[in-house]
Amino acid sequence: MTVEPLPDWVIPPAGGFTVEDFLELRGLPKHTELIDGSLICVSPQEKWHSRVISLFLRELDLQAPPHLRADREMAVRLGKRQMPEPDVLIVTAEAFVREDPSTYYFAEDLVLAVEAVSPDSEERDRETKPGKYAKAGIPHYWRIERRDADAVVYAYELDPGTRTYGSVGIFHDRLKISVPFPIDIDLTSIGRRG
């Protein structure tokens, strides 16, 4: 019996992976993130999660002003050992069309990071990621939680003095908000055709 060698990413280096290490790794599972130098592999995506991401990507991109664009599931370089992958992002139009780097955005490219909470991501999406996004200066953060088949959106805005997020609202049925730009999303339309 032949034993296959383990991939390089199974055993982290002393002190954890850096973003440079992470970008060089091959064969990682889809949507792997780097948080605090550790690789975070996610479980298979549920249909609800995918449908929420699709709804928010479509609506945010349609409603964004010309200088902003929506994207989905792209890594964001936050620091030496931080490269999470928000579910939906609002970035500058310049960053959206930029060819290099092609696999990630920089924190300063983002106006909004959106996370749809899954059972395996509750602590990361509620506690870890918001702190990292705020520290990196991303102006807005939304967390989408599942309630039965519906979505509840928790919206936050960065306090530049403390580099922490403050709540700007909790939205059921309809997300209607004026920041980072005027947005109106029917939260009951998850899974419906546009």
N, C-alpha and C. Protein backbone atom coordinates (compact mmCIF):
# COMPACT_ATOMS: atom_id res chain seq x y z
N MET A 1 0.85 -1.18 0.00
CA MET A 1 0.00 0.00 0.00
C MET A 1 0.89 1.24 0.00
N THR A 2 0.59 2.17 -0.89
CA THR A 2 1.35 3.41 -0.99
C THR A 2 0.59 4.52 -0.28
N VAL A 3 1.30 5.24 0.55
CA VAL A 3 0.71 6.36 1.27
C VAL A 3 1.05 7.65 0.51
N GLU A 4 0.01 8.38 0.14
CA GLU A 4 0.20 9.65 -0.57
C GLU A 4 0.74 10.69 0.40
N PRO A 5 1.67 11.52 -0.04
CA PRO A 5 2.16 12.58 0.85
C PRO A 5 1.05 13.60 1.11
N LEU A 6 1.10 14.17 2.30
CA LEU A 6 0.11 15.20 2.66
C LEU A 6 0.41 16.49 1.90
N PRO A 7 -0.62 17.25 1.53
CA PRO A 7 -0.35 18.53 0.89
C PRO A 7 0.34 19.48 1.87
N ASP A 8 1.05 20.46 1.34
CA ASP A 8 1.80 21.41 2.17
C ASP A 8 0.93 22.14 3.18
N TRP A 9 -0.32 22.37 2.82
CA TRP A 9 -1.17 23.19 3.68
C TRP A 9 -1.72 22.46 4.90
N VAL A 10 -1.54 21.16 4.99
CA VAL A 10 -2.07 20.42 6.14
C VAL A 10 -1.33 20.78 7.43
N ILE A 11 -0.03 21.01 7.33
CA ILE A 11 0.77 21.33 8.51
C ILE A 11 1.25 22.78 8.39
N PRO A 12 0.73 23.68 9.24
CA PRO A 12 1.12 25.09 9.14
C PRO A 12 2.55 25.31 9.62
N PRO A 13 3.19 26.36 9.11
CA PRO A 13 4.52 26.70 9.60
C PRO A 13 4.44 27.26 11.02
N ALA A 14 5.55 27.32 11.70
CA ALA A 14 5.59 27.92 13.04
C ALA A 14 5.09 29.36 12.94
N GLY A 15 4.18 29.73 13.81
CA GLY A 15 3.62 31.08 13.78
C GLY A 15 2.44 31.22 12.83
N GLY A 16 2.11 30.17 12.10
CA GLY A 16 0.96 30.21 11.20
C GLY A 16 1.33 30.71 9.82
N PHE A 17 0.35 30.64 8.92
CA PHE A 17 0.55 31.08 7.55
C PHE A 17 0.46 32.60 7.44
N THR A 18 1.25 33.16 6.54
CA THR A 18 1.10 34.56 6.18
C THR A 18 0.25 34.62 4.91
N VAL A 19 -0.18 35.82 4.54
CA VAL A 19 -0.94 35.97 3.30
C VAL A 19 -0.10 35.48 2.12
N GLU A 20 1.20 35.78 2.13
CA GLU A 20 2.07 35.33 1.04
C GLU A 20 2.10 33.81 0.96
N ASP A 21 2.20 33.14 2.12
CA ASP A 21 2.15 31.67 2.14
C ASP A 21 0.81 31.19 1.56
N PHE A 22 -0.25 31.79 2.03
CA PHE A 22 -1.61 31.42 1.64
C PHE A 22 -1.80 31.52 0.12
N LEU A 23 -1.30 32.60 -0.46
CA LEU A 23 -1.46 32.81 -1.90
C LEU A 23 -0.67 31.80 -2.73
N GLU A 24 0.34 31.18 -2.13
CA GLU A 24 1.16 30.19 -2.84
C GLU A 24 0.62 28.77 -2.73
N LEU A 25 -0.27 28.53 -1.76
CA LEU A 25 -0.77 27.18 -1.52
C LEU A 25 -1.65 26.71 -2.67
N ARG A 26 -1.51 25.45 -3.04
CA ARG A 26 -2.31 24.85 -4.10
C ARG A 26 -3.11 23.69 -3.53
N GLY A 27 -4.26 23.43 -4.12
CA GLY A 27 -5.08 22.30 -3.71
C GLY A 27 -5.94 22.55 -2.49
N LEU A 28 -6.11 23.82 -2.09
CA LEU A 28 -6.96 24.12 -0.94
C LEU A 28 -8.42 23.87 -1.30
N PRO A 29 -9.23 23.46 -0.33
CA PRO A 29 -10.67 23.36 -0.58
C PRO A 29 -11.24 24.73 -0.97
N LYS A 30 -12.30 24.72 -1.75
CA LYS A 30 -12.96 25.95 -2.19
C LYS A 30 -13.37 26.80 -0.99
N HIS A 31 -13.19 28.10 -1.10
CA HIS A 31 -13.59 29.10 -0.09
C HIS A 31 -12.79 29.00 1.21
N THR A 32 -11.58 28.47 1.16
CA THR A 32 -10.73 28.45 2.35
C THR A 32 -10.33 29.88 2.68
N GLU A 33 -10.34 30.23 3.97
CA GLU A 33 -9.98 31.56 4.42
C GLU A 33 -8.75 31.48 5.32
N LEU A 34 -8.05 32.60 5.44
CA LEU A 34 -6.92 32.71 6.36
C LEU A 34 -7.33 33.69 7.45
N ILE A 35 -7.44 33.19 8.68
CA ILE A 35 -7.79 34.03 9.81
C ILE A 35 -6.80 33.75 10.93
N ASP A 36 -6.10 34.80 11.36
CA ASP A 36 -5.09 34.69 12.41
C ASP A 36 -4.02 33.65 12.07
N GLY A 37 -3.67 33.55 10.79
CA GLY A 37 -2.63 32.64 10.36
C GLY A 37 -3.06 31.20 10.21
N SER A 38 -4.34 30.93 10.47
CA SER A 38 -4.86 29.56 10.36
C SER A 38 -5.79 29.45 9.16
N LEU A 39 -5.77 28.28 8.53
CA LEU A 39 -6.66 28.03 7.42
C LEU A 39 -8.02 27.61 7.96
N ILE A 40 -9.06 28.24 7.44
CA ILE A 40 -10.43 27.92 7.82
C ILE A 40 -11.10 27.32 6.60
N CYS A 41 -11.44 26.05 6.69
CA CYS A 41 -12.13 25.35 5.60
C CYS A 41 -13.60 25.30 5.96
N VAL A 42 -14.46 25.66 5.02
CA VAL A 42 -15.88 25.73 5.31
C VAL A 42 -16.60 24.47 4.83
N SER A 43 -17.73 24.21 5.46
CA SER A 43 -18.54 23.06 5.05
C SER A 43 -19.29 23.39 3.76
N PRO A 44 -19.83 22.38 3.09
CA PRO A 44 -20.58 22.65 1.86
C PRO A 44 -21.70 23.66 2.10
N GLN A 45 -21.90 24.53 1.13
CA GLN A 45 -22.88 25.60 1.23
C GLN A 45 -24.31 25.06 1.14
N GLU A 46 -25.18 25.55 2.00
CA GLU A 46 -26.59 25.19 1.96
C GLU A 46 -27.31 26.03 0.91
N LYS A 47 -28.44 25.54 0.42
CA LYS A 47 -29.21 26.26 -0.60
C LYS A 47 -29.61 27.65 -0.13
N TRP A 48 -30.09 27.77 1.11
CA TRP A 48 -30.50 29.07 1.64
C TRP A 48 -29.35 30.07 1.55
N HIS A 49 -28.19 29.64 1.97
CA HIS A 49 -26.99 30.49 1.95
C HIS A 49 -26.69 30.97 0.54
N SER A 50 -26.71 30.06 -0.41
CA SER A 50 -26.45 30.39 -1.81
C SER A 50 -27.49 31.37 -2.36
N ARG A 51 -28.74 31.15 -2.00
CA ARG A 51 -29.82 32.02 -2.49
C ARG A 51 -29.73 33.42 -1.89
N VAL A 52 -29.34 33.51 -0.63
CA VAL A 52 -29.16 34.82 0.00
C VAL A 52 -28.02 35.58 -0.70
N ILE A 53 -26.93 34.90 -0.93
CA ILE A 53 -25.80 35.53 -1.61
C ILE A 53 -26.23 36.01 -3.00
N SER A 54 -26.94 35.19 -3.74
CA SER A 54 -27.39 35.58 -5.08
C SER A 54 -28.30 36.79 -5.04
N LEU A 55 -29.25 36.82 -4.11
CA LEU A 55 -30.16 37.96 -3.98
C LEU A 55 -29.38 39.23 -3.67
N PHE A 56 -28.49 39.18 -2.70
CA PHE A 56 -27.75 40.38 -2.31
C PHE A 56 -26.78 40.83 -3.39
N LEU A 57 -26.14 39.90 -4.06
CA LEU A 57 -25.25 40.27 -5.16
C LEU A 57 -26.03 41.01 -6.24
N ARG A 58 -27.14 40.43 -6.65
CA ARG A 58 -27.95 41.04 -7.72
C ARG A 58 -28.48 42.41 -7.32
N GLU A 59 -29.12 42.48 -6.16
CA GLU A 59 -29.73 43.74 -5.74
C GLU A 59 -28.70 44.84 -5.45
N LEU A 60 -27.63 44.48 -4.79
CA LEU A 60 -26.62 45.50 -4.48
C LEU A 60 -25.95 46.01 -5.75
N ASP A 61 -25.67 45.13 -6.70
CA ASP A 61 -25.03 45.58 -7.93
C ASP A 61 -25.99 46.46 -8.75
N LEU A 62 -27.27 46.12 -8.77
CA LEU A 62 -28.25 46.93 -9.50
C LEU A 62 -28.46 48.30 -8.86
N GLN A 63 -28.42 48.35 -7.53
CA GLN A 63 -28.73 49.59 -6.83
C GLN A 63 -27.50 50.47 -6.55
N ALA A 64 -26.31 49.92 -6.72
CA ALA A 64 -25.08 50.68 -6.42
C ALA A 64 -24.90 51.83 -7.42
N PRO A 65 -24.37 52.96 -6.95
CA PRO A 65 -24.05 54.05 -7.88
C PRO A 65 -22.91 53.61 -8.81
N PRO A 66 -22.71 54.31 -9.92
CA PRO A 66 -21.73 53.87 -10.93
C PRO A 66 -20.30 53.66 -10.42
N HIS A 67 -19.91 54.33 -9.36
CA HIS A 67 -18.53 54.21 -8.87
C HIS A 67 -18.32 53.01 -7.94
N LEU A 68 -19.41 52.22 -7.72
CA LEU A 68 -19.32 51.03 -6.86
C LEU A 68 -19.88 49.82 -7.60
N ARG A 69 -19.37 48.63 -7.23
CA ARG A 69 -19.84 47.37 -7.80
C ARG A 69 -19.93 46.31 -6.70
N ALA A 70 -20.82 45.35 -6.91
CA ALA A 70 -20.94 44.22 -5.99
C ALA A 70 -20.18 43.03 -6.57
N ASP A 71 -19.59 42.24 -5.70
CA ASP A 71 -18.90 41.02 -6.09
C ASP A 71 -19.21 39.97 -5.03
N ARG A 72 -18.89 38.71 -5.31
CA ARG A 72 -19.21 37.65 -4.36
C ARG A 72 -18.00 36.77 -4.10
N GLU A 73 -17.88 36.35 -2.84
CA GLU A 73 -16.94 35.33 -2.42
C GLU A 73 -15.53 35.55 -2.97
N MET A 74 -15.02 36.75 -2.75
CA MET A 74 -13.63 37.08 -3.11
C MET A 74 -12.86 37.37 -1.83
N ALA A 75 -11.65 36.89 -1.77
CA ALA A 75 -10.80 37.12 -0.60
C ALA A 75 -10.45 38.61 -0.48
N VAL A 76 -10.20 39.02 0.77
CA VAL A 76 -9.82 40.40 1.06
C VAL A 76 -8.57 40.37 1.92
N ARG A 77 -7.54 41.03 1.45
CA ARG A 77 -6.28 41.08 2.20
C ARG A 77 -6.38 42.17 3.27
N LEU A 78 -6.47 41.71 4.53
CA LEU A 78 -6.64 42.65 5.64
C LEU A 78 -5.35 42.93 6.38
N GLY A 79 -4.43 42.01 6.38
CA GLY A 79 -3.20 42.16 7.14
C GLY A 79 -2.27 40.99 6.87
N LYS A 80 -1.19 40.93 7.63
CA LYS A 80 -0.15 39.92 7.40
C LYS A 80 -0.67 38.49 7.47
N ARG A 81 -1.62 38.22 8.36
CA ARG A 81 -2.13 36.86 8.56
C ARG A 81 -3.66 36.78 8.45
N GLN A 82 -4.24 37.73 7.69
CA GLN A 82 -5.69 37.82 7.59
C GLN A 82 -6.12 37.92 6.13
N MET A 83 -6.89 36.94 5.67
CA MET A 83 -7.44 36.98 4.32
C MET A 83 -8.79 36.25 4.31
N PRO A 84 -9.82 36.90 4.89
CA PRO A 84 -11.14 36.28 4.88
C PRO A 84 -11.80 36.45 3.51
N GLU A 85 -12.93 35.79 3.35
CA GLU A 85 -13.68 35.84 2.09
C GLU A 85 -15.14 36.16 2.40
N PRO A 86 -15.50 37.45 2.38
CA PRO A 86 -16.91 37.79 2.61
C PRO A 86 -17.80 37.16 1.55
N ASP A 87 -19.06 36.93 1.92
CA ASP A 87 -19.99 36.33 0.96
C ASP A 87 -20.33 37.30 -0.17
N VAL A 88 -20.54 38.56 0.17
CA VAL A 88 -20.81 39.61 -0.82
C VAL A 88 -20.00 40.82 -0.41
N LEU A 89 -19.49 41.55 -1.39
CA LEU A 89 -18.68 42.74 -1.13
C LEU A 89 -19.15 43.87 -2.04
N ILE A 90 -19.08 45.08 -1.54
CA ILE A 90 -19.22 46.26 -2.38
C ILE A 90 -17.84 46.88 -2.44
N VAL A 91 -17.33 47.01 -3.65
CA VAL A 91 -15.99 47.55 -3.88
C VAL A 91 -16.07 48.72 -4.85
N THR A 92 -14.99 49.47 -4.94
CA THR A 92 -14.95 50.54 -5.92
C THR A 92 -14.96 49.94 -7.32
N ALA A 93 -15.53 50.67 -8.27
CA ALA A 93 -15.56 50.18 -9.66
C ALA A 93 -14.14 50.00 -10.18
N GLU A 94 -13.24 50.85 -9.73
CA GLU A 94 -11.83 50.74 -10.14
C GLU A 94 -11.23 49.41 -9.68
N ALA A 95 -11.50 49.03 -8.44
CA ALA A 95 -10.99 47.75 -7.92
C ALA A 95 -11.65 46.57 -8.64
N PHE A 96 -12.93 46.71 -8.96
CA PHE A 96 -13.68 45.64 -9.62
C PHE A 96 -13.06 45.27 -10.98
N VAL A 97 -12.63 46.26 -11.74
CA VAL A 97 -12.08 46.00 -13.07
C VAL A 97 -10.56 45.81 -13.07
N ARG A 98 -9.91 46.10 -11.96
CA ARG A 98 -8.45 45.96 -11.87
C ARG A 98 -8.06 44.51 -12.11
N GLU A 99 -7.07 44.29 -12.95
CA GLU A 99 -6.66 42.92 -13.28
C GLU A 99 -5.67 42.32 -12.30
N ASP A 100 -4.90 43.13 -11.62
CA ASP A 100 -3.89 42.61 -10.70
C ASP A 100 -3.98 43.34 -9.37
N PRO A 101 -4.21 42.64 -8.28
CA PRO A 101 -4.31 41.18 -8.17
C PRO A 101 -5.68 40.69 -8.65
N SER A 102 -5.68 39.51 -9.20
CA SER A 102 -6.91 38.96 -9.76
C SER A 102 -7.66 38.04 -8.80
N THR A 103 -7.03 37.67 -7.69
CA THR A 103 -7.65 36.70 -6.78
C THR A 103 -8.12 37.30 -5.46
N TYR A 104 -7.91 38.58 -5.25
CA TYR A 104 -8.33 39.20 -3.99
C TYR A 104 -8.44 40.71 -4.13
N TYR A 105 -9.09 41.31 -3.13
CA TYR A 105 -9.17 42.76 -3.00
C TYR A 105 -8.36 43.19 -1.79
N PHE A 106 -8.06 44.48 -1.73
CA PHE A 106 -7.44 45.08 -0.55
C PHE A 106 -8.55 45.66 0.33
N ALA A 107 -8.32 45.78 1.62
CA ALA A 107 -9.33 46.31 2.54
C ALA A 107 -9.83 47.68 2.08
N GLU A 108 -8.93 48.52 1.58
CA GLU A 108 -9.32 49.87 1.17
C GLU A 108 -10.20 49.88 -0.08
N ASP A 109 -10.31 48.76 -0.78
CA ASP A 109 -11.20 48.66 -1.94
C ASP A 109 -12.67 48.53 -1.52
N LEU A 110 -12.91 48.05 -0.30
CA LEU A 110 -14.26 47.73 0.15
C LEU A 110 -14.98 48.90 0.79
N VAL A 111 -16.28 48.96 0.51
CA VAL A 111 -17.19 49.89 1.17
C VAL A 111 -18.08 49.10 2.13
N LEU A 112 -18.35 47.84 1.77
CA LEU A 112 -19.25 46.98 2.55
C LEU A 112 -18.81 45.53 2.44
N ALA A 113 -18.81 44.84 3.58
CA ALA A 113 -18.61 43.38 3.62
C ALA A 113 -19.88 42.77 4.18
N VAL A 114 -20.38 41.73 3.51
CA VAL A 114 -21.63 41.06 3.91
C VAL A 114 -21.32 39.59 4.17
N GLU A 115 -21.79 39.10 5.31
CA GLU A 115 -21.65 37.68 5.65
C GLU A 115 -23.02 37.08 5.90
N ALA A 116 -23.33 35.99 5.24
CA ALA A 116 -24.54 35.20 5.50
C ALA A 116 -24.13 34.08 6.44
N VAL A 117 -24.71 34.05 7.61
CA VAL A 117 -24.29 33.13 8.66
C VAL A 117 -24.74 31.70 8.36
N SER A 118 -23.81 30.77 8.48
CA SER A 118 -24.08 29.34 8.37
C SER A 118 -23.85 28.73 9.75
N PRO A 119 -24.36 27.52 9.99
CA PRO A 119 -24.14 26.90 11.30
C PRO A 119 -22.66 26.83 11.69
N ASP A 120 -21.77 26.58 10.72
CA ASP A 120 -20.35 26.46 11.07
C ASP A 120 -19.63 27.81 11.12
N SER A 121 -20.32 28.91 10.79
CA SER A 121 -19.63 30.21 10.76
C SER A 121 -20.18 31.20 11.78
N GLU A 122 -21.07 30.76 12.67
CA GLU A 122 -21.71 31.69 13.60
C GLU A 122 -20.72 32.55 14.37
N GLU A 123 -19.76 31.94 15.05
CA GLU A 123 -18.80 32.72 15.85
C GLU A 123 -17.93 33.59 14.98
N ARG A 124 -17.47 33.08 13.84
CA ARG A 124 -16.63 33.89 12.95
C ARG A 124 -17.39 35.10 12.43
N ASP A 125 -18.65 34.89 12.00
CA ASP A 125 -19.42 35.98 11.40
C ASP A 125 -19.96 36.96 12.43
N ARG A 126 -20.19 36.51 13.65
CA ARG A 126 -20.72 37.39 14.70
C ARG A 126 -19.63 38.09 15.50
N GLU A 127 -18.47 37.44 15.65
CA GLU A 127 -17.45 37.99 16.54
C GLU A 127 -16.11 38.26 15.86
N THR A 128 -15.55 37.25 15.21
CA THR A 128 -14.20 37.38 14.67
C THR A 128 -14.11 38.33 13.49
N LYS A 129 -14.88 38.07 12.45
CA LYS A 129 -14.76 38.85 11.22
C LYS A 129 -15.13 40.32 11.39
N PRO A 130 -16.22 40.65 12.11
CA PRO A 130 -16.51 42.07 12.26
C PRO A 130 -15.36 42.86 12.88
N GLY A 131 -14.71 42.28 13.86
CA GLY A 131 -13.56 42.96 14.47
C GLY A 131 -12.41 43.15 13.50
N LYS A 132 -12.16 42.16 12.68
CA LYS A 132 -11.08 42.25 11.69
C LYS A 132 -11.44 43.28 10.60
N TYR A 133 -12.70 43.26 10.14
CA TYR A 133 -13.13 44.21 9.11
C TYR A 133 -13.06 45.65 9.65
N ALA A 134 -13.51 45.84 10.88
CA ALA A 134 -13.48 47.18 11.48
C ALA A 134 -12.04 47.67 11.65
N LYS A 135 -11.18 46.82 12.17
CA LYS A 135 -9.78 47.20 12.37
C LYS A 135 -9.12 47.57 11.04
N ALA A 136 -9.54 46.93 9.95
CA ALA A 136 -8.98 47.21 8.62
C ALA A 136 -9.60 48.45 7.99
N GLY A 137 -10.63 49.02 8.63
CA GLY A 137 -11.22 50.27 8.15
C GLY A 137 -12.34 50.12 7.13
N ILE A 138 -12.94 48.95 7.02
CA ILE A 138 -14.05 48.76 6.08
C ILE A 138 -15.28 49.47 6.66
N PRO A 139 -15.83 50.45 5.93
CA PRO A 139 -16.85 51.34 6.51
C PRO A 139 -18.15 50.68 6.95
N HIS A 140 -18.59 49.59 6.28
CA HIS A 140 -19.87 48.99 6.61
C HIS A 140 -19.76 47.47 6.65
N TYR A 141 -20.53 46.87 7.56
CA TYR A 141 -20.59 45.41 7.69
C TYR A 141 -22.04 45.01 7.92
N TRP A 142 -22.49 44.00 7.16
CA TRP A 142 -23.82 43.43 7.38
C TRP A 142 -23.69 41.95 7.67
N ARG A 143 -24.48 41.50 8.62
CA ARG A 143 -24.55 40.07 8.94
C ARG A 143 -25.98 39.63 8.67
N ILE A 144 -26.14 38.58 7.89
CA ILE A 144 -27.46 38.06 7.54
C ILE A 144 -27.66 36.75 8.28
N GLU A 145 -28.69 36.71 9.09
CA GLU A 145 -29.00 35.51 9.88
C GLU A 145 -30.26 34.86 9.33
N ARG A 146 -30.33 33.56 9.44
CA ARG A 146 -31.51 32.81 8.98
C ARG A 146 -32.50 32.67 10.12
N ARG A 147 -33.76 32.98 9.84
CA ARG A 147 -34.88 32.72 10.76
C ARG A 147 -35.90 31.94 9.95
N ASP A 148 -35.96 30.63 10.17
CA ASP A 148 -36.77 29.73 9.35
C ASP A 148 -36.29 29.86 7.90
N ALA A 149 -37.16 30.25 6.97
CA ALA A 149 -36.73 30.42 5.57
C ALA A 149 -36.41 31.89 5.28
N ASP A 150 -36.61 32.75 6.27
CA ASP A 150 -36.42 34.19 6.07
C ASP A 150 -35.02 34.65 6.48
N ALA A 151 -34.74 35.90 6.15
CA ALA A 151 -33.45 36.50 6.50
C ALA A 151 -33.67 37.72 7.39
N VAL A 152 -32.79 37.90 8.35
CA VAL A 152 -32.75 39.09 9.18
C VAL A 152 -31.37 39.70 8.97
N VAL A 153 -31.34 41.00 8.67
CA VAL A 153 -30.07 41.68 8.40
C VAL A 153 -29.72 42.59 9.57
N TYR A 154 -28.51 42.43 10.07
CA TYR A 154 -27.95 43.28 11.11
C TYR A 154 -26.92 44.18 10.43
N ALA A 155 -27.18 45.47 10.39
CA ALA A 155 -26.32 46.41 9.67
C ALA A 155 -25.49 47.24 10.64
N TYR A 156 -24.23 47.42 10.29
CA TYR A 156 -23.28 48.14 11.14
C TYR A 156 -22.50 49.16 10.33
N GLU A 157 -22.11 50.24 11.02
CA GLU A 157 -21.28 51.28 10.41
C GLU A 157 -20.06 51.51 11.29
N LEU A 158 -18.93 51.77 10.65
CA LEU A 158 -17.67 51.94 11.36
C LEU A 158 -17.62 53.28 12.08
N ASP A 159 -17.23 53.25 13.34
CA ASP A 159 -16.92 54.46 14.09
C ASP A 159 -15.42 54.67 13.91
N PRO A 160 -15.02 55.68 13.12
CA PRO A 160 -13.59 55.84 12.83
C PRO A 160 -12.74 56.15 14.05
N GLY A 161 -13.35 56.70 15.10
CA GLY A 161 -12.60 57.02 16.31
C GLY A 161 -12.20 55.80 17.10
N THR A 162 -13.06 54.80 17.11
CA THR A 162 -12.77 53.60 17.91
C THR A 162 -12.41 52.39 17.05
N ARG A 163 -12.59 52.52 15.72
CA ARG A 163 -12.37 51.40 14.79
C ARG A 163 -13.19 50.18 15.20
N THR A 164 -14.44 50.45 15.62
CA THR A 164 -15.40 49.39 15.93
C THR A 164 -16.70 49.73 15.20
N TYR A 165 -17.56 48.72 15.07
CA TYR A 165 -18.84 48.93 14.41
C TYR A 165 -19.93 49.26 15.42
N GLY A 166 -20.80 50.17 15.00
CA GLY A 166 -22.01 50.48 15.75
C GLY A 166 -23.21 50.06 14.91
N SER A 167 -24.26 49.60 15.58
CA SER A 167 -25.45 49.14 14.87
C SER A 167 -26.19 50.32 14.25
N VAL A 168 -26.63 50.12 13.00
CA VAL A 168 -27.47 51.13 12.34
C VAL A 168 -28.86 50.55 12.07
N GLY A 169 -29.10 49.32 12.46
CA GLY A 169 -30.43 48.76 12.33
C GLY A 169 -30.47 47.26 12.19
N ILE A 170 -31.65 46.73 12.53
CA ILE A 170 -31.96 45.31 12.34
C ILE A 170 -33.18 45.27 11.44
N PHE A 171 -33.09 44.51 10.36
CA PHE A 171 -34.11 44.55 9.32
C PHE A 171 -34.76 43.18 9.10
N HIS A 172 -36.09 43.16 9.19
CA HIS A 172 -36.91 41.97 8.91
C HIS A 172 -37.76 42.30 7.69
N ASP A 173 -38.02 41.36 6.86
CA ASP A 173 -38.89 41.50 5.69
C ASP A 173 -38.33 42.43 4.61
N ARG A 174 -37.85 43.63 4.98
CA ARG A 174 -37.34 44.58 3.99
C ARG A 174 -36.13 45.31 4.58
N LEU A 175 -35.06 45.35 3.77
CA LEU A 175 -33.86 46.12 4.15
C LEU A 175 -33.95 47.44 3.38
N LYS A 176 -34.20 48.50 4.11
CA LYS A 176 -34.25 49.84 3.50
C LYS A 176 -33.34 50.72 4.33
N ILE A 177 -32.25 51.16 3.68
CA ILE A 177 -31.20 51.88 4.40
C ILE A 177 -30.57 52.91 3.46
N SER A 178 -30.01 53.96 4.03
CA SER A 178 -29.43 55.03 3.19
C SER A 178 -27.91 54.95 3.06
N VAL A 179 -27.28 54.08 3.84
CA VAL A 179 -25.82 53.97 3.78
C VAL A 179 -25.41 52.53 3.50
N PRO A 180 -24.38 52.27 2.74
CA PRO A 180 -23.43 53.21 2.13
C PRO A 180 -23.98 53.97 0.93
N PHE A 181 -25.19 53.59 0.45
CA PHE A 181 -25.94 54.30 -0.59
C PHE A 181 -27.39 53.86 -0.41
N PRO A 182 -28.35 54.54 -1.00
CA PRO A 182 -29.74 54.12 -0.81
C PRO A 182 -29.99 52.70 -1.33
N ILE A 183 -30.49 51.84 -0.44
CA ILE A 183 -30.69 50.42 -0.75
C ILE A 183 -32.08 50.01 -0.28
N ASP A 184 -32.77 49.24 -1.09
CA ASP A 184 -34.08 48.71 -0.73
C ASP A 184 -34.15 47.27 -1.26
N ILE A 185 -34.15 46.29 -0.35
CA ILE A 185 -34.18 44.88 -0.73
C ILE A 185 -35.32 44.19 0.00
N ASP A 186 -36.16 43.51 -0.77
CA ASP A 186 -37.24 42.72 -0.23
C ASP A 186 -36.65 41.40 0.29
N LEU A 187 -36.55 41.27 1.59
CA LEU A 187 -35.93 40.08 2.19
C LEU A 187 -36.81 38.84 2.08
N THR A 188 -38.08 39.03 1.72
CA THR A 188 -38.97 37.88 1.55
C THR A 188 -38.83 37.27 0.16
N SER A 189 -37.99 37.87 -0.70
CA SER A 189 -37.88 37.38 -2.07
C SER A 189 -36.73 36.38 -2.27
N ILE A 190 -36.16 35.90 -1.20
CA ILE A 190 -35.07 34.93 -1.31
C ILE A 190 -35.55 33.70 -2.09
N GLY A 191 -34.81 33.37 -3.13
CA GLY A 191 -35.13 32.19 -3.92
C GLY A 191 -36.11 32.44 -5.06
N ARG A 192 -36.73 33.63 -5.09
CA ARG A 192 -37.63 33.95 -6.20
C ARG A 192 -36.84 34.44 -7.41
N ARG A 193 -37.37 34.23 -8.57
CA ARG A 193 -36.73 34.77 -9.77
C ARG A 193 -36.87 36.28 -9.79
N GLY A 194 -35.78 36.95 -10.25
CA GLY A 194 -35.72 38.41 -10.29
C GLY A 194 -36.80 38.97 -11.11
